[in-house]
């Protein structure tokens, strides 16, 4: 394995998007579905498989209640933070604001146009 200097490190910008949506309740499966563009059934399946984390702790119950400020992780899709829980809509749905963060990777320039990429496991910075 070759040595690389810190100046050779290529760090991409994190892709952050803010989503405003409504959910029937603050259940984990509902908020994960909203944050990552999944159906609630697919979100519940991911939770059951153990690939969903709330505040860096694995949660396996789809009916887990999330709250404002919780950090959500869906392994393979990215991370999100429940920024705000707003009021109720006319149809009695809960307004939420989520910041979605896509999985970045870093790499080293390896010469001849090749970049060796390293995926970050723990990159979540405090919001």
Protein backbone atom coordinates (compact mmCIF):
# COMPACT_ATOMS: atom_id res chain seq x y z
CA UNK A 1 0.00 0.00 0.00
CA UNK A 2 1.44 3.37 -0.96
CA UNK A 3 1.69 6.43 1.27
CA UNK A 4 -0.38 9.52 0.47
CA UNK A 5 -0.11 13.02 1.81
CA UNK A 6 -3.03 15.01 3.13
CA UNK A 7 -2.71 17.43 0.18
CA UNK A 8 -3.64 14.57 -2.19
CA UNK A 9 -6.92 14.02 -0.38
CA UNK A 10 -10.02 14.81 -2.44
CA UNK A 11 -13.01 15.64 -0.22
CA UNK A 12 -16.32 16.18 -2.04
CA UNK A 13 -18.97 18.57 -0.81
CA UNK A 14 -21.80 16.96 1.11
CA UNK A 15 -25.07 17.11 -0.78
CA UNK A 16 -27.69 18.46 1.59
CA UNK A 17 -31.32 18.99 0.70
CA UNK A 18 -34.14 20.28 2.86
CA UNK A 19 -37.50 18.55 2.56
CA UNK A 20 -40.80 19.83 3.92
CA UNK A 21 -43.56 17.24 4.06
CA UNK A 22 -46.55 16.07 6.05
CA UNK A 23 -46.87 12.74 7.83
CA UNK A 24 -49.80 11.12 9.58
CA UNK A 25 -47.73 10.67 12.74
CA UNK A 26 -44.13 10.84 13.90
CA UNK A 27 -43.63 7.09 13.56
CA UNK A 28 -40.14 6.10 12.41
CA UNK A 29 -41.37 4.27 9.29
CA UNK A 30 -43.36 7.30 8.17
CA UNK A 31 -40.51 9.78 8.69
CA UNK A 32 -37.92 7.47 7.03
CA UNK A 33 -40.26 7.05 4.06
CA UNK A 34 -40.58 10.81 3.73
CA UNK A 35 -36.86 11.51 4.18
CA UNK A 36 -35.61 8.97 1.65
CA UNK A 37 -38.48 8.80 -0.85
CA UNK A 38 -39.64 5.28 0.02
CA UNK A 39 -43.02 3.74 0.59
CA UNK A 40 -43.90 3.21 4.24
CA UNK A 41 -43.84 -0.55 3.65
CA UNK A 42 -40.27 -0.42 2.27
CA UNK A 43 -39.24 1.80 5.17
CA UNK A 44 -40.75 -0.68 7.67
CA UNK A 45 -38.91 -3.52 5.90
CA UNK A 46 -35.59 -1.64 6.20
CA UNK A 47 -36.26 -1.01 9.89
CA UNK A 48 -36.97 -4.71 10.42
CA UNK A 49 -33.72 -5.65 8.66
CA UNK A 50 -31.77 -3.53 11.16
CA UNK A 51 -30.36 -0.94 8.74
CA UNK A 52 -32.07 2.09 10.30
CA UNK A 53 -30.50 4.05 13.16
CA UNK A 54 -31.87 6.89 15.27
CA UNK A 55 -29.20 8.99 16.99
CA UNK A 56 -26.63 6.29 16.08
CA UNK A 57 -28.63 3.51 17.79
CA UNK A 58 -30.23 0.70 15.80
CA UNK A 59 -34.03 0.71 16.01
CA UNK A 60 -36.05 -2.32 14.86
CA UNK A 61 -39.59 -1.17 15.68
CA UNK A 62 -41.44 0.73 12.90
CA UNK A 63 -43.74 2.40 15.45
CA UNK A 64 -40.82 4.07 17.29
CA UNK A 65 -41.70 7.75 17.89
CA UNK A 66 -39.12 10.21 16.58
CA UNK A 67 -38.81 13.79 17.78
CA UNK A 68 -37.37 17.09 16.64
CA UNK A 69 -33.57 17.01 16.40
CA UNK A 70 -33.28 13.23 15.91
CA UNK A 71 -30.57 12.08 13.50
CA UNK A 72 -31.76 9.31 11.19
CA UNK A 73 -29.56 6.93 9.20
CA UNK A 74 -30.66 4.50 6.48
CA UNK A 75 -27.63 2.41 5.61
CA UNK A 76 -26.88 2.69 1.89
CA UNK A 77 -29.11 5.74 1.38
CA UNK A 78 -27.66 8.43 3.61
CA UNK A 79 -28.45 10.38 6.73
CA UNK A 80 -31.13 12.85 7.65
CA UNK A 81 -31.99 15.10 10.54
CA UNK A 82 -35.53 15.93 11.63
CA UNK A 83 -35.04 19.68 11.90
CA UNK A 84 -38.52 20.83 12.78
CA UNK A 85 -41.89 19.46 13.74
CA UNK A 86 -44.50 22.05 12.79
CA UNK A 87 -48.20 22.38 13.30
CA UNK A 88 -51.09 20.37 11.92
CA UNK A 89 -52.59 20.57 8.44
CA UNK A 90 -56.33 20.84 7.75
CA UNK A 91 -56.37 17.06 7.33
CA UNK A 92 -54.74 16.68 10.77
CA UNK A 93 -51.34 15.65 9.37
CA UNK A 94 -48.08 16.74 11.03
CA UNK A 95 -45.78 19.16 9.14
CA UNK A 96 -42.08 18.17 9.28
CA UNK A 97 -38.84 19.62 7.92
CA UNK A 98 -35.99 17.21 7.22
CA UNK A 99 -32.42 17.85 6.10
CA UNK A 100 -31.20 14.96 3.95
CA UNK A 101 -27.46 14.30 3.61
CA UNK A 102 -26.22 12.01 0.84
CA UNK A 103 -23.34 9.58 1.46
CA UNK A 104 -20.08 11.26 0.43
CA UNK A 105 -16.83 9.49 -0.23
CA UNK A 106 -13.25 10.70 -0.18
CA UNK A 107 -10.43 9.63 -2.44
CA UNK A 108 -6.75 9.92 -3.21
CA UNK A 109 -5.30 10.78 -6.60
CA UNK A 110 -3.46 7.61 -7.59
CA UNK A 111 -1.86 8.84 -10.81
CA UNK A 112 -2.81 8.16 -14.44
CA UNK A 113 -6.26 9.64 -13.82
CA UNK A 114 -7.33 7.07 -11.22
CA UNK A 115 -8.92 8.03 -7.94
CA UNK A 116 -9.00 5.53 -5.09
CA UNK A 117 -12.25 6.11 -3.22
CA UNK A 118 -12.81 5.47 0.45
CA UNK A 119 -16.37 5.55 1.77
CA UNK A 120 -16.77 7.28 5.08
CA UNK A 121 -18.54 5.29 7.76
CA UNK A 122 -18.99 8.06 10.28
CA UNK A 123 -19.11 11.47 8.64
CA UNK A 124 -22.14 13.03 10.23
CA UNK A 125 -21.26 16.45 11.49
CA UNK A 126 -23.43 18.20 14.00
CA UNK A 127 -25.98 20.41 12.32
